[in-house]
N, C-alpha and C. Protein backbone atom coordinates (compact mmCIF):
# COMPACT_ATOMS: atom_id res chain seq x y z
N MET A 1 262.26 86.67 90.03
CA MET A 1 261.36 87.76 90.28
C MET A 1 259.94 87.33 89.90
N SER A 2 258.99 87.65 90.74
CA SER A 2 257.62 87.27 90.45
C SER A 2 257.02 88.23 89.40
N LYS A 3 255.93 87.80 88.85
CA LYS A 3 255.27 88.60 87.82
C LYS A 3 254.79 89.94 88.37
N HIS A 4 254.35 89.93 89.64
CA HIS A 4 253.85 91.16 90.26
C HIS A 4 254.99 92.17 90.43
N ARG A 5 256.15 91.70 90.81
CA ARG A 5 257.27 92.61 90.98
C ARG A 5 257.73 93.19 89.65
N VAL A 6 257.73 92.35 88.62
CA VAL A 6 258.12 92.83 87.29
C VAL A 6 257.12 93.88 86.81
N ALA A 7 255.82 93.61 87.01
CA ALA A 7 254.80 94.57 86.59
C ALA A 7 254.93 95.87 87.36
N ALA A 8 255.17 95.79 88.67
CA ALA A 8 255.34 97.00 89.48
C ALA A 8 256.58 97.76 89.03
N PHE A 9 257.66 97.04 88.73
CA PHE A 9 258.88 97.70 88.26
C PHE A 9 258.63 98.42 86.94
N LEU A 10 257.91 97.79 86.02
CA LEU A 10 257.62 98.42 84.73
C LEU A 10 256.73 99.65 84.91
N LEU A 11 255.75 99.57 85.80
CA LEU A 11 254.89 100.73 86.05
C LEU A 11 255.68 101.89 86.64
N VAL A 12 256.59 101.58 87.57
CA VAL A 12 257.39 102.64 88.19
C VAL A 12 258.34 103.24 87.15
N ALA A 13 258.92 102.40 86.30
CA ALA A 13 259.82 102.91 85.26
C ALA A 13 259.06 103.80 84.28
N ALA A 14 257.86 103.40 83.89
CA ALA A 14 257.06 104.22 82.98
C ALA A 14 256.66 105.53 83.64
N ALA A 15 256.31 105.47 84.91
CA ALA A 15 255.93 106.69 85.63
C ALA A 15 257.12 107.63 85.76
N ALA A 16 258.29 107.08 86.05
CA ALA A 16 259.48 107.93 86.18
C ALA A 16 259.82 108.58 84.84
N ALA A 17 259.70 107.84 83.76
CA ALA A 17 259.98 108.41 82.44
C ALA A 17 258.98 109.52 82.11
N THR A 18 257.71 109.28 82.42
CA THR A 18 256.68 110.29 82.17
C THR A 18 256.90 111.51 83.04
N HIS A 19 257.28 111.29 84.30
CA HIS A 19 257.56 112.40 85.21
C HIS A 19 258.74 113.23 84.68
N ALA A 20 259.76 112.56 84.19
CA ALA A 20 260.92 113.27 83.65
C ALA A 20 260.54 114.06 82.40
N GLN A 21 259.70 113.48 81.54
CA GLN A 21 259.27 114.19 80.33
C GLN A 21 258.43 115.41 80.69
N GLN A 22 257.54 115.26 81.67
CA GLN A 22 256.72 116.40 82.07
C GLN A 22 257.57 117.48 82.71
N ALA A 23 258.56 117.09 83.50
CA ALA A 23 259.44 118.07 84.13
C ALA A 23 260.26 118.80 83.07
N ALA A 24 260.73 118.06 82.06
CA ALA A 24 261.48 118.69 80.99
C ALA A 24 260.59 119.62 80.17
N ALA A 25 259.34 119.23 79.97
CA ALA A 25 258.42 120.08 79.22
C ALA A 25 258.10 121.35 80.00
N ASP A 26 258.07 121.26 81.33
CA ASP A 26 257.83 122.45 82.15
C ASP A 26 259.00 123.41 82.08
N VAL A 27 260.21 122.88 81.89
CA VAL A 27 261.40 123.70 81.90
C VAL A 27 261.65 124.30 80.52
N GLU A 28 261.44 123.52 79.44
CA GLU A 28 261.75 123.99 78.10
C GLU A 28 260.59 124.79 77.51
N PRO A 29 260.87 125.96 76.92
CA PRO A 29 259.83 126.67 76.20
C PRO A 29 259.61 126.04 74.83
N GLU A 30 258.61 126.53 74.09
CA GLU A 30 258.25 125.94 72.81
C GLU A 30 259.32 126.10 71.75
N LEU A 31 260.14 127.10 71.80
CA LEU A 31 261.11 127.34 70.74
C LEU A 31 262.30 126.41 70.81
N GLY A 32 262.43 125.63 71.83
CA GLY A 32 263.52 124.68 71.93
C GLY A 32 264.75 125.20 72.64
N THR A 33 264.76 126.44 73.05
CA THR A 33 265.89 126.97 73.81
C THR A 33 265.59 126.79 75.27
N ARG A 34 266.60 126.49 76.04
CA ARG A 34 266.39 126.24 77.47
C ARG A 34 266.31 127.55 78.23
N ALA A 35 265.32 127.63 79.07
CA ALA A 35 265.18 128.77 79.97
C ALA A 35 265.89 128.42 81.27
N PRO A 36 266.34 129.39 82.01
CA PRO A 36 266.99 129.08 83.27
C PRO A 36 266.00 128.42 84.24
N ILE A 37 266.48 127.44 85.00
CA ILE A 37 265.65 126.73 85.95
C ILE A 37 265.53 127.56 87.22
N THR A 38 264.30 127.74 87.65
CA THR A 38 264.08 128.47 88.90
C THR A 38 264.33 127.53 90.07
N THR A 39 264.47 128.09 91.25
CA THR A 39 264.73 127.26 92.43
C THR A 39 263.54 126.37 92.75
N ALA A 40 262.33 126.84 92.48
CA ALA A 40 261.14 126.03 92.74
C ALA A 40 261.12 124.82 91.80
N GLN A 41 261.48 125.04 90.51
CA GLN A 41 261.51 123.93 89.57
C GLN A 41 262.62 122.95 89.94
N ALA A 42 263.76 123.44 90.37
CA ALA A 42 264.86 122.57 90.77
C ALA A 42 264.47 121.75 91.99
N ALA A 43 263.77 122.36 92.93
CA ALA A 43 263.33 121.63 94.12
C ALA A 43 262.31 120.56 93.75
N ASN A 44 261.45 120.87 92.78
CA ASN A 44 260.45 119.90 92.33
C ASN A 44 261.12 118.71 91.66
N LEU A 45 262.16 118.95 90.87
CA LEU A 45 262.87 117.88 90.20
C LEU A 45 263.68 117.04 91.17
N ALA A 46 264.14 117.63 92.26
CA ALA A 46 264.99 116.93 93.21
C ALA A 46 264.19 116.07 94.18
N GLN A 47 262.89 116.32 94.34
CA GLN A 47 262.10 115.56 95.30
C GLN A 47 261.83 114.16 94.76
N PRO A 48 261.98 113.16 95.60
CA PRO A 48 261.67 111.80 95.15
C PRO A 48 260.16 111.61 95.00
N MET A 49 259.79 110.74 94.10
CA MET A 49 258.38 110.47 93.85
C MET A 49 257.98 109.25 94.68
N SER A 50 256.82 109.32 95.31
CA SER A 50 256.35 108.19 96.10
C SER A 50 255.85 107.10 95.15
N LEU A 51 255.75 105.89 95.67
CA LEU A 51 255.27 104.76 94.87
C LEU A 51 253.84 104.98 94.43
N ASP A 52 253.01 105.52 95.32
CA ASP A 52 251.61 105.78 94.96
C ASP A 52 251.51 106.79 93.83
N ASP A 53 252.34 107.85 93.90
CA ASP A 53 252.34 108.85 92.82
C ASP A 53 252.81 108.24 91.51
N ALA A 54 253.83 107.39 91.59
CA ALA A 54 254.36 106.76 90.38
C ALA A 54 253.32 105.82 89.76
N LEU A 55 252.64 105.05 90.57
CA LEU A 55 251.61 104.15 90.05
C LEU A 55 250.44 104.93 89.47
N ARG A 56 250.03 106.00 90.16
CA ARG A 56 248.93 106.84 89.65
C ARG A 56 249.30 107.47 88.32
N LEU A 57 250.52 107.99 88.22
CA LEU A 57 250.98 108.62 86.99
C LEU A 57 251.08 107.62 85.85
N ALA A 58 251.57 106.42 86.16
CA ALA A 58 251.67 105.38 85.13
C ALA A 58 250.29 104.95 84.67
N ALA A 59 249.35 104.82 85.59
CA ALA A 59 248.00 104.40 85.23
C ALA A 59 247.30 105.47 84.39
N GLU A 60 247.53 106.75 84.70
CA GLU A 60 246.89 107.83 83.93
C GLU A 60 247.44 107.93 82.52
N ASN A 61 248.72 107.61 82.33
CA ASN A 61 249.35 107.81 81.03
C ASN A 61 249.54 106.53 80.24
N ASN A 62 249.03 105.41 80.71
CA ASN A 62 249.15 104.15 80.00
C ASN A 62 248.14 104.12 78.86
N PRO A 63 248.59 103.97 77.61
CA PRO A 63 247.66 103.99 76.48
C PRO A 63 246.64 102.85 76.51
N LEU A 64 247.05 101.68 76.99
CA LEU A 64 246.11 100.56 77.05
C LEU A 64 244.99 100.82 78.06
N LEU A 65 245.36 101.38 79.20
CA LEU A 65 244.34 101.70 80.20
C LEU A 65 243.44 102.84 79.74
N GLN A 66 244.02 103.82 79.05
CA GLN A 66 243.21 104.92 78.52
C GLN A 66 242.21 104.41 77.50
N SER A 67 242.65 103.51 76.61
CA SER A 67 241.72 102.99 75.60
C SER A 67 240.62 102.16 76.27
N ALA A 68 240.95 101.44 77.34
CA ALA A 68 239.92 100.69 78.06
C ALA A 68 238.90 101.63 78.70
N ARG A 69 239.38 102.75 79.26
CA ARG A 69 238.46 103.74 79.84
C ARG A 69 237.57 104.35 78.76
N PHE A 70 238.16 104.67 77.60
CA PHE A 70 237.37 105.24 76.51
C PHE A 70 236.34 104.24 75.99
N GLU A 71 236.72 102.96 75.93
CA GLU A 71 235.79 101.94 75.47
C GLU A 71 234.63 101.80 76.45
N ALA A 72 234.92 101.88 77.74
CA ALA A 72 233.86 101.81 78.75
C ALA A 72 232.93 103.01 78.63
N ASP A 73 233.49 104.20 78.39
CA ASP A 73 232.65 105.38 78.21
C ASP A 73 231.77 105.25 76.96
N ALA A 74 232.35 104.71 75.89
CA ALA A 74 231.58 104.53 74.65
C ALA A 74 230.46 103.52 74.85
N SER A 75 230.72 102.47 75.63
CA SER A 75 229.67 101.48 75.87
C SER A 75 228.54 102.07 76.71
N ASN A 76 228.86 103.03 77.59
CA ASN A 76 227.79 103.72 78.34
C ASN A 76 226.92 104.52 77.38
N GLY A 77 227.54 105.16 76.38
CA GLY A 77 226.77 105.89 75.38
C GLY A 77 225.90 104.96 74.54
N ALA A 78 226.44 103.79 74.20
CA ALA A 78 225.66 102.82 73.44
C ALA A 78 224.46 102.32 74.25
N LEU A 79 224.63 102.19 75.55
CA LEU A 79 223.52 101.78 76.41
C LEU A 79 222.44 102.85 76.44
N MET A 80 222.84 104.11 76.51
CA MET A 80 221.86 105.20 76.48
C MET A 80 221.11 105.21 75.15
N GLN A 81 221.85 104.99 74.05
CA GLN A 81 221.23 104.99 72.73
C GLN A 81 220.26 103.81 72.59
N ALA A 82 220.61 102.67 73.16
CA ALA A 82 219.74 101.49 73.06
C ALA A 82 218.43 101.73 73.81
N GLY A 83 218.46 102.53 74.86
CA GLY A 83 217.25 102.80 75.63
C GLY A 83 216.35 103.85 75.00
N ALA A 84 216.84 104.56 74.00
CA ALA A 84 216.04 105.61 73.37
C ALA A 84 214.97 105.00 72.46
N ARG A 85 213.85 105.66 72.42
CA ARG A 85 212.79 105.21 71.53
C ARG A 85 213.10 105.68 70.10
N PRO A 86 212.62 104.95 69.08
CA PRO A 86 212.91 105.35 67.70
C PRO A 86 212.26 106.69 67.36
N ASN A 87 212.96 107.48 66.58
CA ASN A 87 212.46 108.79 66.16
C ASN A 87 211.46 108.62 65.02
N PRO A 88 210.50 109.55 64.94
CA PRO A 88 209.60 109.52 63.78
C PRO A 88 210.36 109.96 62.52
N GLU A 89 209.87 109.52 61.37
CA GLU A 89 210.50 109.85 60.09
C GLU A 89 209.51 110.61 59.23
N ILE A 90 210.00 111.63 58.55
CA ILE A 90 209.18 112.39 57.61
C ILE A 90 209.80 112.22 56.24
N SER A 91 208.98 111.89 55.25
CA SER A 91 209.48 111.79 53.88
C SER A 91 208.55 112.56 52.96
N LEU A 92 209.15 113.26 52.03
CA LEU A 92 208.41 114.07 51.06
C LEU A 92 208.71 113.54 49.66
N LEU A 93 207.67 113.46 48.81
CA LEU A 93 207.83 112.95 47.46
C LEU A 93 207.06 113.86 46.52
N GLN A 94 207.72 114.24 45.44
CA GLN A 94 207.05 115.06 44.43
C GLN A 94 207.28 114.41 43.08
N GLU A 95 206.20 114.20 42.33
CA GLU A 95 206.28 113.60 41.01
C GLU A 95 205.71 114.57 39.99
N GLY A 96 206.38 114.67 38.86
CA GLY A 96 205.93 115.54 37.79
C GLY A 96 206.51 116.93 37.93
N LEU A 97 206.68 117.61 36.76
CA LEU A 97 207.28 118.93 36.77
C LEU A 97 206.26 120.03 36.49
N SER A 98 205.31 119.76 35.62
CA SER A 98 204.35 120.82 35.31
C SER A 98 203.26 120.87 36.38
N GLY A 99 202.58 121.99 36.45
CA GLY A 99 201.60 122.21 37.50
C GLY A 99 200.43 121.25 37.47
N ARG A 100 199.98 120.86 36.27
CA ARG A 100 198.81 120.00 36.16
C ARG A 100 199.12 118.55 36.53
N GLU A 101 200.33 118.11 36.19
CA GLU A 101 200.67 116.70 36.41
C GLU A 101 201.42 116.47 37.74
N ARG A 102 201.73 117.52 38.44
CA ARG A 102 202.53 117.39 39.66
C ARG A 102 201.67 116.86 40.80
N THR A 103 202.25 115.87 41.51
CA THR A 103 201.62 115.36 42.73
C THR A 103 202.67 115.38 43.85
N SER A 104 202.26 115.80 45.02
CA SER A 104 203.16 115.85 46.18
C SER A 104 202.59 114.97 47.28
N THR A 105 203.47 114.25 47.92
CA THR A 105 203.06 113.36 48.99
C THR A 105 203.96 113.58 50.19
N ALA A 106 203.38 113.65 51.36
CA ALA A 106 204.13 113.75 52.61
C ALA A 106 203.74 112.57 53.49
N LEU A 107 204.76 111.89 54.02
CA LEU A 107 204.53 110.73 54.88
C LEU A 107 205.19 110.95 56.23
N ILE A 108 204.51 110.53 57.27
CA ILE A 108 205.08 110.53 58.62
C ILE A 108 205.03 109.09 59.10
N ASN A 109 206.19 108.53 59.44
CA ASN A 109 206.28 107.15 59.91
C ASN A 109 206.78 107.14 61.35
N GLN A 110 206.14 106.34 62.17
CA GLN A 110 206.59 106.13 63.55
C GLN A 110 206.68 104.64 63.78
N THR A 111 207.87 104.18 64.10
CA THR A 111 208.07 102.76 64.37
C THR A 111 207.51 102.43 65.75
N ILE A 112 206.74 101.37 65.81
CA ILE A 112 206.19 100.88 67.07
C ILE A 112 206.86 99.54 67.34
N GLU A 113 207.55 99.48 68.46
CA GLU A 113 208.28 98.25 68.79
C GLU A 113 207.38 97.29 69.54
N LEU A 114 207.37 96.07 69.09
CA LEU A 114 206.58 95.02 69.73
C LEU A 114 207.51 93.86 70.09
N GLY A 115 207.07 93.03 70.98
CA GLY A 115 207.79 91.79 71.27
C GLY A 115 209.05 91.97 72.10
N GLY A 116 209.17 93.04 72.85
CA GLY A 116 210.33 93.21 73.73
C GLY A 116 211.63 93.54 73.03
N LYS A 117 211.56 94.15 71.85
CA LYS A 117 212.79 94.49 71.11
C LYS A 117 213.64 95.51 71.88
N ARG A 118 213.00 96.47 72.50
CA ARG A 118 213.74 97.49 73.25
C ARG A 118 214.46 96.86 74.44
N ARG A 119 213.78 95.98 75.14
CA ARG A 119 214.38 95.29 76.29
C ARG A 119 215.58 94.45 75.83
N SER A 120 215.45 93.80 74.67
CA SER A 120 216.54 92.99 74.13
C SER A 120 217.73 93.87 73.77
N ARG A 121 217.47 95.04 73.17
CA ARG A 121 218.55 95.97 72.84
C ARG A 121 219.26 96.44 74.10
N LEU A 122 218.48 96.76 75.13
CA LEU A 122 219.08 97.20 76.40
C LEU A 122 219.92 96.09 77.02
N ASP A 123 219.43 94.85 76.98
CA ASP A 123 220.20 93.74 77.55
C ASP A 123 221.51 93.55 76.80
N ALA A 124 221.46 93.59 75.47
CA ALA A 124 222.68 93.41 74.67
C ALA A 124 223.68 94.53 74.95
N ALA A 125 223.21 95.76 75.03
CA ALA A 125 224.10 96.88 75.32
C ALA A 125 224.66 96.78 76.74
N SER A 126 223.86 96.29 77.66
CA SER A 126 224.33 96.12 79.04
C SER A 126 225.44 95.07 79.11
N TYR A 127 225.29 93.98 78.37
CA TYR A 127 226.35 92.97 78.35
C TYR A 127 227.62 93.51 77.72
N ARG A 128 227.48 94.31 76.67
CA ARG A 128 228.68 94.93 76.05
C ARG A 128 229.36 95.88 77.02
N ARG A 129 228.58 96.61 77.80
CA ARG A 129 229.16 97.54 78.79
C ARG A 129 229.90 96.76 79.86
N GLU A 130 229.33 95.67 80.33
CA GLU A 130 230.01 94.85 81.35
C GLU A 130 231.31 94.28 80.80
N ALA A 131 231.30 93.87 79.53
CA ALA A 131 232.53 93.33 78.93
C ALA A 131 233.60 94.40 78.81
N ALA A 132 233.18 95.63 78.51
CA ALA A 132 234.15 96.73 78.38
C ALA A 132 234.69 97.08 79.74
């Protein structure tokens, strides 16, 4: 058997197992007692699943593929964050407790990026997104 046939067989087997679990979940209520099966549910269980449906179902429920999709979504967020400009910072400082000796200072800092740092961040995030 070739590797492609084995992979297709495993995908179909996983899809069939998932389909059976979903069908059983549709039939069983939460309390664990079985409800009578309606004719529509019985007809749904009796219909054969097409190969395309089985492959789609296996791809949707495969944990490795789901984690890859989530990683790709996270890398898109990292790319958006890399393109954002730095936020200004406000810091407040108070020294001394009594009224005569007390001094208060307020600072506002804004980072100014020079030398193409933002472009470099965007490039690095873009490469991480492509890898994901």
